[in-house]
Amino acid sequence: MNLHEYQAKRLLAQFGTAVPRGAVSSTAEEAKEVAEKLFAEGARRVVVKAQTHAGGRGKGTFKSGFKGGVKLCDSAQGVFETAKAMLGQVLVTKQTGPEGRLIRKLLIETACPIKRELYVAVLLDRAQSLPLLMASSEGGMDIEEVAAQTPEKIIKEPIDPAAGLMPYQGRKVAASLGLKGDLLNQAAKLLLGVYKTWWESDATLVEINPLCVVEGPDGKDLILAVDGKISLDDNALYRHADIQEMRDLSEEAPLEIEASKHSLNYIKLDGNIACLVNGAGLAMATMDIIQHYGGRPANFLDVGGGASKEQVTAAFKIILSDPNVKAILVNIFGGIMQCDIIAAGIVEAVKATHLTLPLVVRLEGNNVQLGKRILDESGLALVSGDSMADAAEKVVNSARK
């Protein structure tokens, strides 16, 4: 689950990270009121930021022709006019695709003069099985680009999860970024807040890009999280009712929302061969072997280790909701899952959905002979795969017909 920037900053501030003053608005009038308050508090400029989960907002273009989803304004009236141009319009960025995203909310914040842009993130280092604090002096850029061009500018600090990020580690990273004096202390405190946000929220990623050295209202330099991105572990959301309420379904794919209602892991892709598989690793391998035989997978769909007949039926309905699908491959290895349960679910799902597309099924493992007999005696027009390679080759050939 991803959060909007204003939601991410709310969490960051809750755990001690310094963020600019501001508020979210859903109408131009609300945006103007927020701006008036910020100017009254001493702001020289404010920034209007379109709220969407997609990146590249500043360089995006609205379908109305208005350019930029991030705009600086010198007056409350300017904020009002900018908000009118953004709200209710579709913003297209490099991450949204040509269909774009409808903008329903804006974040209005004080825009302090920026002196330096830095990068900070906390994520899980899967190689070391430890939390990892990453930082770079190259803020405002994609971290992938920095890693490719100047990897030496990326600072990595592993964290002992039993102890958490220690103050000395925060100071060490801050010093590595070239910060000194009061800025070093501010940054060290901020980094502790970023890590605490990651840990306490069960996040998979907390990223601040850019983290900025700015000139405060009194002329002193400050460290502020000018942007913020948080991705959360869906499996831990049951522990965070307050965060669950932040979910914005309008930013998620409809089929993925429907899949989540049935505890299915589904991601739509741009191919034409649908996959129904149990286990994320097997699902990845299935997509790979489809491509190996010249096909293109239409989705990632993991029904899990203990799917019911109802879940299998729901999975078929979701698959068939994609008009691009020309054939379906069911690839099941029965470990915890019993092949006869899956087979019964397939028969029920095919009948319930009146399936006419080519269907290739490969079963292996627990109760496989009973599962195959159920399919053979069903009277359904399906093709059996003797192996994963055989099934993949057959479904690719079927999709070409």
Protein backbone atom coordinates (compact mmCIF):
# COMPACT_ATOMS: atom_id res chain seq x y z
CA MET A 1 0.00 0.00 0.00
CA ASN A 2 1.31 3.43 -0.97
CA LEU A 3 0.57 6.77 0.65
CA HIS A 4 0.10 10.23 -0.79
CA GLU A 5 2.79 12.77 0.01
CA TYR A 6 0.62 14.64 2.52
CA GLN A 7 -0.11 11.36 4.33
CA ALA A 8 3.55 10.36 4.33
CA LYS A 9 4.54 13.73 5.81
CA ARG A 10 1.86 13.39 8.46
CA LEU A 11 3.43 10.11 9.59
CA LEU A 12 6.96 11.46 9.35
CA ALA A 13 6.06 14.47 11.50
CA GLN A 14 4.36 12.19 14.02
CA PHE A 15 7.67 10.38 14.55
CA GLY A 16 9.87 13.47 14.78
CA THR A 17 10.83 14.34 11.20
CA ALA A 18 10.79 18.05 10.34
CA VAL A 19 8.44 18.85 7.43
CA PRO A 20 7.29 22.17 5.92
CA ARG A 21 4.17 23.84 7.31
CA GLY A 22 1.12 23.20 5.22
CA ALA A 23 -2.18 21.40 4.77
CA VAL A 24 -4.11 19.40 2.21
CA SER A 25 -7.10 20.81 0.33
CA SER A 26 -9.71 19.43 -2.04
CA THR A 27 -11.12 22.71 -3.38
CA ALA A 28 -9.57 25.90 -4.73
CA GLU A 29 -11.22 27.86 -1.91
CA GLU A 30 -9.63 25.60 0.73
CA ALA A 31 -6.26 25.95 -1.00
CA LYS A 32 -6.57 29.74 -0.88
CA GLU A 33 -7.44 29.67 2.85
CA VAL A 34 -4.39 27.51 3.61
CA ALA A 35 -2.17 29.85 1.58
CA GLU A 36 -3.53 32.94 3.33
CA LYS A 37 -2.69 31.39 6.69
CA LEU A 38 0.83 30.46 5.57
CA PHE A 39 1.49 33.96 4.21
CA ALA A 40 0.17 35.44 7.47
CA GLU A 41 2.66 33.27 9.37
CA GLY A 42 5.54 34.75 7.37
CA ALA A 43 5.86 32.55 4.29
CA ARG A 44 7.37 34.37 1.31
CA ARG A 45 6.23 31.77 -1.20
CA VAL A 46 4.06 28.69 -1.11
CA VAL A 47 4.07 25.57 -3.25
CA VAL A 48 1.01 23.82 -4.70
CA LYS A 49 1.58 20.07 -5.17
CA ALA A 50 -0.82 17.72 -6.95
CA GLN A 51 -1.40 14.58 -4.89
CA THR A 52 -1.03 11.27 -6.73
CA HIS A 53 0.97 8.11 -6.10
CA ALA A 54 2.84 8.56 -9.39
CA GLY A 55 6.19 10.32 -9.50
CA GLY A 56 7.42 12.99 -11.91
CA ARG A 57 4.64 15.41 -11.02
CA GLY A 58 6.69 18.54 -11.52
CA LYS A 59 7.45 17.67 -15.16
CA GLY A 60 3.97 16.30 -15.83
CA THR A 61 1.30 17.90 -18.01
CA PHE A 62 -2.43 18.01 -17.45
CA LYS A 63 -4.65 16.87 -20.29
CA SER A 64 -6.18 20.34 -20.16
CA GLY A 65 -2.82 21.71 -21.33
CA PHE A 66 -1.75 23.14 -17.96
CA LYS A 67 1.89 22.23 -17.37
CA GLY A 68 3.37 21.01 -14.09
CA GLY A 69 1.84 19.32 -11.06
CA VAL A 70 4.09 21.29 -8.68
CA LYS A 71 3.89 25.09 -8.80
CA LEU A 72 5.37 27.95 -6.75
CA CYS A 73 3.08 30.87 -5.98
CA ASP A 74 3.71 34.34 -4.53
CA SER A 75 0.14 35.10 -3.44
CA ALA A 76 -2.99 33.43 -2.12
CA GLN A 77 -4.80 34.43 -5.31
CA GLY A 78 -2.10 32.72 -7.32
CA VAL A 79 -2.66 29.57 -5.28
CA PHE A 80 -6.40 29.83 -5.95
CA GLU A 81 -5.91 30.08 -9.72
CA THR A 82 -3.36 27.24 -9.73
CA ALA A 83 -5.64 25.03 -7.66
CA LYS A 84 -8.51 25.64 -10.09
CA ALA A 85 -6.24 24.57 -12.96
CA MET A 86 -5.21 21.33 -11.19
CA LEU A 87 -8.20 20.00 -9.26
CA GLY A 88 -10.49 17.72 -11.22
CA GLN A 89 -7.99 17.50 -14.07
CA VAL A 90 -5.98 14.51 -15.30
CA LEU A 91 -2.21 14.73 -14.80
CA VAL A 92 0.05 12.71 -17.10
CA THR A 93 3.60 11.93 -15.93
CA LYS A 94 6.29 9.44 -16.94
CA GLN A 95 4.92 7.05 -14.29
CA THR A 96 1.16 7.34 -14.93
CA GLY A 97 1.20 6.25 -18.55
CA PRO A 98 -0.83 8.12 -21.18
CA GLU A 99 -4.09 7.61 -19.27
CA GLY A 100 -2.84 9.85 -16.43
CA ARG A 101 -4.33 10.30 -12.96
CA LEU A 102 -7.26 12.44 -11.83
CA ILE A 103 -6.15 14.98 -9.22
CA ARG A 104 -8.55 15.23 -6.28
CA LYS A 105 -6.34 16.79 -3.60
CA LEU A 106 -3.54 19.35 -3.37
CA LEU A 107 -0.86 19.87 -0.74
CA ILE A 108 -0.25 23.56 0.00
CA GLU A 109 3.03 24.21 1.82
CA THR A 110 5.50 26.92 2.73
CA ALA A 111 8.27 27.02 0.12
CA CYS A 112 11.52 27.96 1.84
CA PRO A 113 14.54 28.89 -0.31
CA ILE A 114 16.46 25.67 -0.98
CA LYS A 115 20.25 25.68 -0.57
CA ARG A 116 21.04 21.94 -0.92
CA GLU A 117 19.16 18.84 -1.96
CA LEU A 118 19.95 15.49 -0.34
CA TYR A 119 18.48 11.99 -0.44
CA VAL A 120 17.51 9.72 2.46
CA ALA A 121 15.66 6.41 2.62
CA VAL A 122 15.14 3.45 4.93
CA LEU A 123 14.35 0.05 3.45
CA LEU A 124 15.00 -3.63 4.05
CA ASP A 125 18.32 -4.97 2.79
CA ARG A 126 17.23 -8.47 1.78
CA ALA A 127 20.80 -9.64 1.22
CA GLN A 128 21.76 -8.90 4.83
CA SER A 129 18.25 -9.32 6.32
CA LEU A 130 18.67 -5.97 8.05
CA PRO A 131 17.11 -2.51 7.86
CA LEU A 132 19.27 -0.20 5.78
CA LEU A 133 19.63 3.57 5.95
CA MET A 134 20.62 5.01 2.57
CA ALA A 135 21.66 8.59 1.94
CA SER A 136 23.21 10.61 -0.84
CA SER A 137 24.37 14.15 -1.52
CA GLU A 138 22.63 13.85 -4.91
CA GLY A 139 19.08 14.69 -3.84
CA GLY A 140 16.34 15.46 -6.35
CA MET A 141 17.57 12.72 -8.73
CA ASP A 142 16.33 9.15 -9.19
CA ILE A 143 18.44 7.02 -6.86
CA GLU A 144 18.72 4.38 -9.61
CA GLU A 145 20.42 6.98 -11.82
CA VAL A 146 22.81 7.93 -9.02
CA ALA A 147 23.62 4.26 -8.39
CA ALA A 148 24.39 3.73 -12.07
CA GLN A 149 26.46 6.88 -12.65
CA THR A 150 28.07 7.72 -9.29
CA PRO A 151 27.62 4.76 -6.91
CA GLU A 152 30.30 6.14 -4.61
CA LYS A 153 27.89 8.95 -3.67
CA ILE A 154 25.46 6.53 -2.01
CA ILE A 155 25.99 6.05 1.72
CA LYS A 156 24.72 2.80 3.25
CA GLU A 157 24.36 2.25 7.00
CA PRO A 158 23.04 -1.18 8.17
CA ILE A 159 20.87 -1.06 11.29
CA ASP A 160 20.61 -3.65 14.05
CA PRO A 161 16.83 -4.17 14.40
CA ALA A 162 17.22 -5.11 18.07
CA ALA A 163 18.78 -1.73 18.87
CA GLY A 164 17.32 0.47 16.14
CA LEU A 165 19.16 3.38 14.55
CA MET A 166 21.62 4.66 17.12
CA PRO A 167 22.31 8.40 17.52
CA TYR A 168 25.96 7.92 16.59
CA GLN A 169 24.87 6.34 13.30
CA GLY A 170 22.66 9.33 12.55
CA ARG A 171 25.56 11.70 13.20
CA LYS A 172 27.88 9.52 11.10
CA VAL A 173 25.56 9.63 8.07
CA ALA A 174 24.89 13.36 8.52
CA ALA A 175 28.63 14.04 8.60
CA SER A 176 29.10 11.91 5.48
CA LEU A 177 26.61 14.21 3.73
CA GLY A 178 28.88 17.17 4.54
CA LEU A 179 26.62 18.64 7.23
CA LYS A 180 28.24 20.42 10.16
CA GLY A 181 27.37 22.17 13.40
CA ASP A 182 23.68 22.67 14.10
CA LEU A 183 22.72 21.20 10.72
CA LEU A 184 24.50 17.96 11.64
CA ASN A 185 22.49 17.72 14.86
CA GLN A 186 19.23 18.53 13.05
CA ALA A 187 19.94 15.90 10.42
CA ALA A 188 20.86 13.24 12.99
CA LYS A 189 17.57 13.84 14.80
CA LEU A 190 15.65 13.76 11.52
CA LEU A 191 17.25 10.46 10.49
CA LEU A 192 16.15 8.89 13.78
CA GLY A 193 12.61 10.06 12.99
CA VAL A 194 12.74 8.59 9.49
CA TYR A 195 13.86 5.22 10.84
CA LYS A 196 11.22 5.27 13.57
CA THR A 197 8.56 5.98 10.94
CA TRP A 198 9.76 2.96 8.93
CA TRP A 199 9.84 0.68 11.95
CA GLU A 200 6.65 1.73 13.73
CA SER A 201 4.56 1.83 10.53
CA ASP A 202 5.74 -1.56 9.22
CA ALA A 203 6.85 0.18 6.03
CA THR A 204 8.78 -1.43 3.21
CA LEU A 205 10.18 1.94 2.13
CA VAL A 206 10.40 5.44 3.58
CA GLU A 207 12.04 7.81 1.10
CA ILE A 208 12.70 11.54 1.29
CA ASN A 209 13.79 12.96 -2.03
CA PRO A 210 14.73 15.68 -1.70
CA LEU A 211 15.74 16.22 1.89
CA CYS A 212 16.67 19.90 1.81
CA VAL A 213 18.82 22.42 3.57
CA VAL A 214 16.61 25.51 3.45
CA GLU A 215 16.74 29.08 4.67
CA GLY A 216 14.25 29.44 7.53
CA PRO A 217 12.09 32.52 8.24
CA ASP A 218 14.74 33.86 10.62
CA GLY A 219 17.53 33.39 8.08
CA LYS A 220 18.97 30.30 9.78
CA ASP A 221 19.50 27.07 7.87
CA LEU A 222 17.08 24.22 8.52
CA ILE A 223 16.78 20.59 7.43
CA LEU A 224 13.32 19.74 6.06
CA ALA A 225 11.72 16.75 4.34
CA VAL A 226 10.49 18.63 1.27
CA ASP A 227 9.04 15.47 -0.28
CA GLY A 228 8.09 12.12 1.20
CA LYS A 229 7.17 8.66 -0.05
CA ILE A 230 6.05 5.73 2.08
CA SER A 231 5.19 2.20 0.96
CA LEU A 232 3.71 -0.15 3.55
CA ASP A 233 3.73 -3.91 4.04
CA ASP A 234 0.18 -5.05 3.23
CA ASN A 235 0.63 -8.09 5.48
CA ALA A 236 1.07 -5.84 8.52
CA LEU A 237 -1.79 -3.42 7.88
CA TYR A 238 -4.05 -5.27 10.32
CA ARG A 239 -1.90 -3.74 13.06
CA HIS A 240 -2.52 -0.18 11.82
CA ALA A 241 -6.19 0.73 11.59
CA ASP A 242 -5.28 4.42 11.32
CA ILE A 243 -3.01 3.79 8.32
CA GLN A 244 -5.56 1.54 6.63
CA GLU A 245 -7.92 4.51 6.59
CA MET A 246 -5.38 6.37 4.43
CA ARG A 247 -5.80 3.92 1.55
CA ASP A 248 -6.88 5.69 -1.64
CA LEU A 249 -8.62 3.13 -3.85
CA SER A 250 -8.88 5.63 -6.70
CA GLU A 251 -5.09 5.36 -7.10
CA GLU A 252 -5.15 1.56 -7.42
CA ALA A 253 -6.04 -0.67 -10.36
CA PRO A 254 -9.67 -1.89 -10.09
CA LEU A 255 -8.75 -5.53 -10.71
CA GLU A 256 -6.07 -5.39 -8.00
CA ILE A 257 -8.64 -3.98 -5.57
CA GLU A 258 -11.07 -6.78 -6.41
CA ALA A 259 -8.31 -9.38 -5.95
CA SER A 260 -7.42 -8.02 -2.51
CA LYS A 261 -11.05 -8.58 -1.40
CA HIS A 262 -10.50 -12.32 -1.96
CA SER A 263 -6.96 -12.40 -0.48
CA LEU A 264 -5.44 -12.90 -3.93
CA ASN A 265 -2.16 -11.33 -5.03
CA TYR A 266 -2.80 -9.91 -8.51
CA ILE A 267 -0.83 -7.49 -10.67
CA LYS A 268 -1.99 -6.69 -14.18
CA LEU A 269 0.62 -6.81 -16.95
CA ASP A 270 0.45 -5.99 -20.66
CA GLY A 271 0.54 -9.49 -22.18
CA ASN A 272 -2.24 -11.81 -23.35
CA ILE A 273 -1.60 -15.09 -21.44
CA ALA A 274 -3.19 -15.14 -18.00
CA CYS A 275 -1.47 -17.07 -15.19
CA LEU A 276 -3.11 -18.64 -12.14
CA VAL A 277 -0.42 -20.03 -9.85
CA ASN A 278 0.06 -20.87 -6.17
CA GLY A 279 3.17 -19.32 -4.67
CA ALA A 280 5.00 -16.13 -5.62
CA GLY A 281 8.19 -17.94 -6.68
CA LEU A 282 6.33 -20.35 -8.93
CA ALA A 283 4.33 -17.44 -10.35
CA MET A 284 7.55 -15.64 -11.29
CA ALA A 285 8.98 -18.80 -12.84
CA THR A 286 5.73 -19.32 -14.78
CA MET A 287 5.90 -15.83 -16.24
CA ASP A 288 9.54 -16.38 -17.18
CA ILE A 289 8.86 -19.64 -18.99
CA ILE A 290 5.92 -18.14 -20.90
CA GLN A 291 8.29 -15.46 -22.18
CA HIS A 292 10.92 -18.12 -22.93
CA TYR A 293 8.49 -19.75 -25.36
CA GLY A 294 7.67 -16.42 -26.99
CA GLY A 295 4.54 -15.45 -25.07
CA ARG A 296 3.73 -12.47 -22.87
CA PRO A 297 2.10 -12.89 -19.44
CA ALA A 298 -1.06 -10.86 -18.83
CA ASN A 299 -0.76 -10.89 -15.07
CA PHE A 300 0.91 -12.05 -11.90
CA LEU A 301 -1.70 -13.99 -9.89
CA ASP A 302 -0.78 -15.92 -6.75
CA VAL A 303 -3.75 -17.69 -5.15
CA GLY A 304 -1.65 -18.64 -2.12
CA GLY A 305 -0.96 -21.93 -0.45
CA GLY A 306 -4.49 -22.73 0.72
CA ALA A 307 -6.92 -21.31 -1.83
CA SER A 308 -10.57 -22.36 -1.67
CA LYS A 309 -12.89 -23.15 -4.58
CA GLU A 310 -14.44 -19.71 -4.07
CA GLN A 311 -11.05 -18.02 -4.40
CA VAL A 312 -10.27 -19.95 -7.59
CA THR A 313 -13.62 -18.86 -9.06
CA ALA A 314 -12.90 -15.25 -8.07
CA ALA A 315 -9.45 -15.54 -9.68
CA PHE A 316 -10.97 -16.71 -12.98
CA LYS A 317 -13.47 -13.85 -12.96
CA ILE A 318 -10.66 -11.34 -12.40
CA ILE A 319 -8.59 -12.88 -15.20
CA LEU A 320 -11.53 -12.73 -17.60
CA SER A 321 -12.13 -9.06 -16.77
CA ASP A 322 -8.97 -8.28 -18.76
CA PRO A 323 -10.01 -8.01 -22.43
CA ASN A 324 -6.42 -8.65 -23.56
CA VAL A 325 -6.39 -12.24 -22.28
CA LYS A 326 -6.36 -14.83 -25.11
CA ALA A 327 -5.42 -17.97 -23.14
CA ILE A 328 -5.05 -19.11 -19.53
CA LEU A 329 -2.36 -21.20 -17.86
CA VAL A 330 -3.06 -22.78 -14.46
CA ASN A 331 0.17 -24.00 -12.87
CA ILE A 332 -0.26 -25.59 -9.45
CA PHE A 333 2.21 -27.42 -7.24
CA GLY A 334 0.35 -29.10 -4.39
CA GLY A 335 2.36 -28.82 -1.23
CA ILE A 336 0.01 -27.34 1.34
CA MET A 337 -2.48 -26.94 -1.50
CA GLN A 338 -4.31 -30.11 -2.58
CA CYS A 339 -4.56 -30.63 -6.33
CA ASP A 340 -8.08 -32.09 -6.07
CA ILE A 341 -9.33 -28.91 -4.37
CA ILE A 342 -7.80 -26.80 -7.13
CA ALA A 343 -9.22 -29.10 -9.81
CA ALA A 344 -12.70 -28.86 -8.32
CA GLY A 345 -12.29 -25.10 -8.16
CA ILE A 346 -11.23 -24.97 -11.82
CA VAL A 347 -14.28 -26.99 -12.90
CA GLU A 348 -16.61 -24.79 -10.88
CA ALA A 349 -14.96 -21.58 -12.10
CA VAL A 350 -15.06 -22.59 -15.77
CA LYS A 351 -18.76 -23.41 -15.52
CA ALA A 352 -19.57 -20.27 -13.55
CA THR A 353 -17.74 -17.97 -15.97
CA HIS A 354 -18.77 -19.82 -19.16
CA LEU A 355 -15.12 -19.84 -20.19
CA THR A 356 -14.48 -20.09 -23.93
CA LEU A 357 -10.77 -19.19 -23.97
CA PRO A 358 -8.08 -21.89 -24.31
CA LEU A 359 -7.21 -23.29 -20.88
CA VAL A 360 -4.00 -25.22 -20.12
CA VAL A 361 -3.64 -26.87 -16.69
CA ARG A 362 -0.54 -28.32 -15.12
CA LEU A 363 -0.98 -30.02 -11.72
CA GLU A 364 1.76 -31.61 -9.63
CA GLY A 365 2.09 -32.69 -6.01
CA ASN A 366 -0.41 -33.52 -3.27
CA ASN A 367 -3.43 -35.56 -4.54
CA VAL A 368 -2.38 -34.94 -8.15
CA GLN A 369 -3.93 -38.15 -9.54
CA LEU A 370 -7.30 -37.35 -7.99
CA GLY A 371 -7.04 -33.79 -9.31
CA LYS A 372 -6.32 -34.97 -12.84
CA ARG A 373 -9.22 -37.42 -12.69
CA ILE A 374 -11.60 -34.64 -11.65
CA LEU A 375 -10.49 -32.61 -14.66
CA ASP A 376 -10.65 -35.58 -17.06
CA GLU A 377 -14.18 -36.46 -15.96
CA SER A 378 -15.43 -32.85 -16.02
CA GLY A 379 -16.14 -32.81 -19.73
CA LEU A 380 -14.36 -29.46 -20.03
CA ALA A 381 -12.37 -28.56 -23.13
CA LEU A 382 -9.01 -28.06 -21.45
CA VAL A 383 -5.45 -29.10 -22.24
CA SER A 384 -3.21 -30.83 -19.71
CA GLY A 385 0.47 -29.98 -19.39
CA ASP A 386 2.81 -32.82 -18.48
CA SER A 387 5.45 -30.39 -17.20
CA MET A 388 5.78 -26.66 -16.68
CA ALA A 389 7.67 -26.33 -19.98
CA ASP A 390 5.08 -28.41 -21.82
CA ALA A 391 2.22 -26.37 -20.37
CA ALA A 392 3.92 -23.08 -21.23
CA GLU A 393 4.58 -24.12 -24.82
CA LYS A 394 0.98 -25.28 -25.25
CA VAL A 395 -0.57 -22.09 -23.84
CA VAL A 396 1.67 -19.88 -25.98
CA ASN A 397 0.62 -21.81 -29.11
CA SER A 398 -3.04 -21.56 -28.06
CA ALA A 399 -2.82 -17.78 -27.63
CA ARG A 400 -1.46 -17.41 -31.19
CA LYS A 401 -4.45 -19.14 -32.82
